[in-house]
Amino acid sequence: MQGTVATYDEQTRSGTLLLDDGAELAFPAAAFDASGLRLLRLGQRVRIERDPDGTVTRITLPTFR
């Protein structure tokens, strides 16, 4: 699944994503920490991995696996 960074707080390392269907999805600091990324920019396109409960577990760039 992919989306766009809508908000990102550098202090808490959490934020929200705007999914392709228009839904907004929050992500926790743990998902950012699992990404290996150093920062996110508003409007940046990202790939999202979620657990069976729907919680975002990892955020990566679409070109990363």
N, C-alpha and C. Protein backbone atom coordinates (compact mmCIF):
# COMPACT_ATOMS: atom_id res chain seq x y z
N MET A 1 0.85 -1.16 0.00
CA MET A 1 0.00 0.00 0.00
C MET A 1 0.90 1.23 0.00
N GLN A 2 0.45 2.29 -0.66
CA GLN A 2 1.22 3.52 -0.72
C GLN A 2 0.38 4.70 -0.28
N GLY A 3 1.06 5.76 0.10
CA GLY A 3 0.39 6.98 0.50
C GLY A 3 1.36 8.15 0.46
N THR A 4 0.89 9.28 0.94
CA THR A 4 1.67 10.51 0.95
C THR A 4 1.75 11.04 2.38
N VAL A 5 2.91 11.53 2.77
CA VAL A 5 3.08 12.08 4.11
C VAL A 5 2.25 13.37 4.23
N ALA A 6 1.29 13.36 5.16
CA ALA A 6 0.44 14.53 5.40
C ALA A 6 1.00 15.38 6.53
N THR A 7 1.45 14.72 7.61
CA THR A 7 2.08 15.42 8.73
C THR A 7 3.22 14.56 9.23
N TYR A 8 4.23 15.21 9.79
CA TYR A 8 5.33 14.49 10.40
C TYR A 8 5.94 15.39 11.48
N ASP A 9 6.05 14.86 12.68
CA ASP A 9 6.64 15.59 13.81
C ASP A 9 8.02 15.02 14.09
N GLU A 10 9.06 15.80 13.85
CA GLU A 10 10.43 15.32 14.04
C GLU A 10 10.72 14.97 15.50
N GLN A 11 10.06 15.65 16.42
CA GLN A 11 10.29 15.39 17.84
C GLN A 11 9.77 14.02 18.26
N THR A 12 8.54 13.70 17.85
CA THR A 12 7.93 12.42 18.25
C THR A 12 8.16 11.32 17.23
N ARG A 13 8.61 11.68 16.02
CA ARG A 13 8.83 10.74 14.91
C ARG A 13 7.55 10.03 14.49
N SER A 14 6.43 10.66 14.69
CA SER A 14 5.14 10.10 14.29
C SER A 14 4.43 11.11 13.38
N GLY A 15 3.33 10.67 12.77
CA GLY A 15 2.61 11.57 11.89
C GLY A 15 1.41 10.89 11.27
N THR A 16 0.96 11.45 10.15
CA THR A 16 -0.18 10.89 9.44
C THR A 16 0.14 10.79 7.95
N LEU A 17 -0.52 9.84 7.32
CA LEU A 17 -0.38 9.61 5.89
C LEU A 17 -1.74 9.77 5.23
N LEU A 18 -1.74 10.25 4.02
CA LEU A 18 -2.95 10.33 3.21
C LEU A 18 -2.86 9.21 2.20
N LEU A 19 -3.76 8.24 2.33
CA LEU A 19 -3.75 7.08 1.44
C LEU A 19 -4.36 7.44 0.09
N ASP A 20 -4.14 6.60 -0.89
CA ASP A 20 -4.63 6.87 -2.25
C ASP A 20 -6.15 6.97 -2.32
N ASP A 21 -6.86 6.31 -1.39
CA ASP A 21 -8.32 6.37 -1.39
C ASP A 21 -8.84 7.59 -0.63
N GLY A 22 -7.93 8.46 -0.15
CA GLY A 22 -8.33 9.67 0.55
C GLY A 22 -8.40 9.52 2.06
N ALA A 23 -8.25 8.30 2.57
CA ALA A 23 -8.29 8.08 4.01
C ALA A 23 -7.01 8.57 4.66
N GLU A 24 -7.12 9.04 5.89
CA GLU A 24 -5.96 9.47 6.65
C GLU A 24 -5.60 8.36 7.63
N LEU A 25 -4.32 8.06 7.75
CA LEU A 25 -3.84 6.97 8.59
C LEU A 25 -2.67 7.47 9.43
N ALA A 26 -2.79 7.33 10.75
CA ALA A 26 -1.70 7.74 11.64
C ALA A 26 -0.63 6.66 11.68
N PHE A 27 0.62 7.08 11.88
CA PHE A 27 1.69 6.11 12.08
C PHE A 27 2.47 6.46 13.33
N PRO A 28 2.89 5.45 14.09
CA PRO A 28 3.62 5.67 15.33
C PRO A 28 5.12 5.81 15.06
N ALA A 29 5.84 6.26 16.08
CA ALA A 29 7.29 6.40 15.97
C ALA A 29 7.96 5.08 15.63
N ALA A 30 7.42 3.98 16.14
CA ALA A 30 8.02 2.66 15.88
C ALA A 30 8.03 2.35 14.38
N ALA A 31 7.02 2.77 13.64
CA ALA A 31 6.97 2.53 12.20
C ALA A 31 8.05 3.33 11.48
N PHE A 32 8.27 4.55 11.94
CA PHE A 32 9.34 5.37 11.35
C PHE A 32 10.70 4.78 11.72
N ASP A 33 10.88 4.39 12.97
CA ASP A 33 12.14 3.82 13.43
C ASP A 33 12.49 2.55 12.65
N ALA A 34 11.50 1.74 12.30
CA ALA A 34 11.71 0.50 11.55
C ALA A 34 12.08 0.76 10.09
N SER A 35 11.87 1.98 9.64
CA SER A 35 12.07 2.29 8.23
C SER A 35 13.53 2.40 7.83
N GLY A 36 14.38 2.82 8.75
CA GLY A 36 15.77 3.09 8.40
C GLY A 36 15.96 4.46 7.77
N LEU A 37 14.86 5.20 7.61
CA LEU A 37 14.94 6.55 7.06
C LEU A 37 15.39 7.53 8.14
N ARG A 38 15.95 8.65 7.72
CA ARG A 38 16.39 9.67 8.67
C ARG A 38 15.39 10.80 8.81
N LEU A 39 14.55 11.01 7.80
CA LEU A 39 13.55 12.06 7.87
C LEU A 39 12.46 11.80 6.84
N LEU A 40 11.34 12.47 7.02
CA LEU A 40 10.24 12.44 6.06
C LEU A 40 9.90 13.88 5.72
N ARG A 41 9.48 14.10 4.49
CA ARG A 41 9.05 15.43 4.05
C ARG A 41 7.55 15.40 3.75
N LEU A 42 6.88 16.49 4.04
CA LEU A 42 5.46 16.60 3.70
C LEU A 42 5.31 16.43 2.20
N GLY A 43 4.34 15.63 1.79
CA GLY A 43 4.10 15.37 0.38
C GLY A 43 4.93 14.23 -0.19
N GLN A 44 5.83 13.68 0.61
CA GLN A 44 6.67 12.58 0.14
C GLN A 44 5.86 11.31 -0.02
N ARG A 45 6.10 10.60 -1.09
CA ARG A 45 5.41 9.34 -1.38
C ARG A 45 6.10 8.22 -0.62
N VAL A 46 5.33 7.38 0.07
CA VAL A 46 5.90 6.30 0.87
C VAL A 46 5.10 5.01 0.67
N ARG A 47 5.77 3.90 0.97
CA ARG A 47 5.13 2.59 0.96
C ARG A 47 4.88 2.22 2.42
N ILE A 48 3.73 1.59 2.69
CA ILE A 48 3.30 1.32 4.06
C ILE A 48 3.13 -0.17 4.25
N GLU A 49 3.66 -0.67 5.37
CA GLU A 49 3.40 -2.05 5.77
C GLU A 49 2.58 -2.00 7.05
N ARG A 50 1.54 -2.85 7.12
CA ARG A 50 0.67 -2.87 8.30
C ARG A 50 0.55 -4.29 8.84
N ASP A 51 0.26 -4.37 10.15
CA ASP A 51 0.01 -5.68 10.76
C ASP A 51 -1.45 -6.04 10.56
N PRO A 52 -1.88 -7.24 10.94
CA PRO A 52 -3.27 -7.67 10.74
C PRO A 52 -4.30 -6.75 11.41
N ASP A 53 -3.90 -6.04 12.46
CA ASP A 53 -4.81 -5.10 13.13
C ASP A 53 -4.94 -3.78 12.39
N GLY A 54 -4.09 -3.55 11.38
CA GLY A 54 -4.13 -2.31 10.62
C GLY A 54 -3.15 -1.26 11.08
N THR A 55 -2.38 -1.56 12.13
CA THR A 55 -1.39 -0.62 12.62
C THR A 55 -0.21 -0.56 11.66
N VAL A 56 0.24 0.64 11.35
CA VAL A 56 1.40 0.80 10.47
C VAL A 56 2.64 0.31 11.22
N THR A 57 3.37 -0.63 10.61
CA THR A 57 4.55 -1.20 11.25
C THR A 57 5.85 -0.72 10.63
N ARG A 58 5.77 -0.24 9.38
CA ARG A 58 6.99 0.21 8.70
C ARG A 58 6.63 1.14 7.55
N ILE A 59 7.43 2.16 7.39
CA ILE A 59 7.28 3.11 6.29
C ILE A 59 8.58 3.10 5.51
N THR A 60 8.50 2.92 4.21
CA THR A 60 9.70 2.96 3.38
C THR A 60 9.40 3.78 2.13
N LEU A 61 10.44 4.07 1.39
CA LEU A 61 10.25 4.72 0.11
C LEU A 61 9.79 3.68 -0.90
N PRO A 62 8.99 4.05 -1.87
CA PRO A 62 8.46 3.07 -2.83
C PRO A 62 9.54 2.29 -3.56
N THR A 63 10.73 2.83 -3.69
CA THR A 63 11.80 2.14 -4.40
C THR A 63 12.55 1.16 -3.51
N PHE A 64 12.37 1.24 -2.17
CA PHE A 64 13.04 0.33 -1.22
C PHE A 64 12.17 -0.89 -1.00
N ARG A 65 12.76 -1.98 -0.59
CA ARG A 65 12.02 -3.20 -0.21
C ARG A 65 12.40 -3.62 1.14
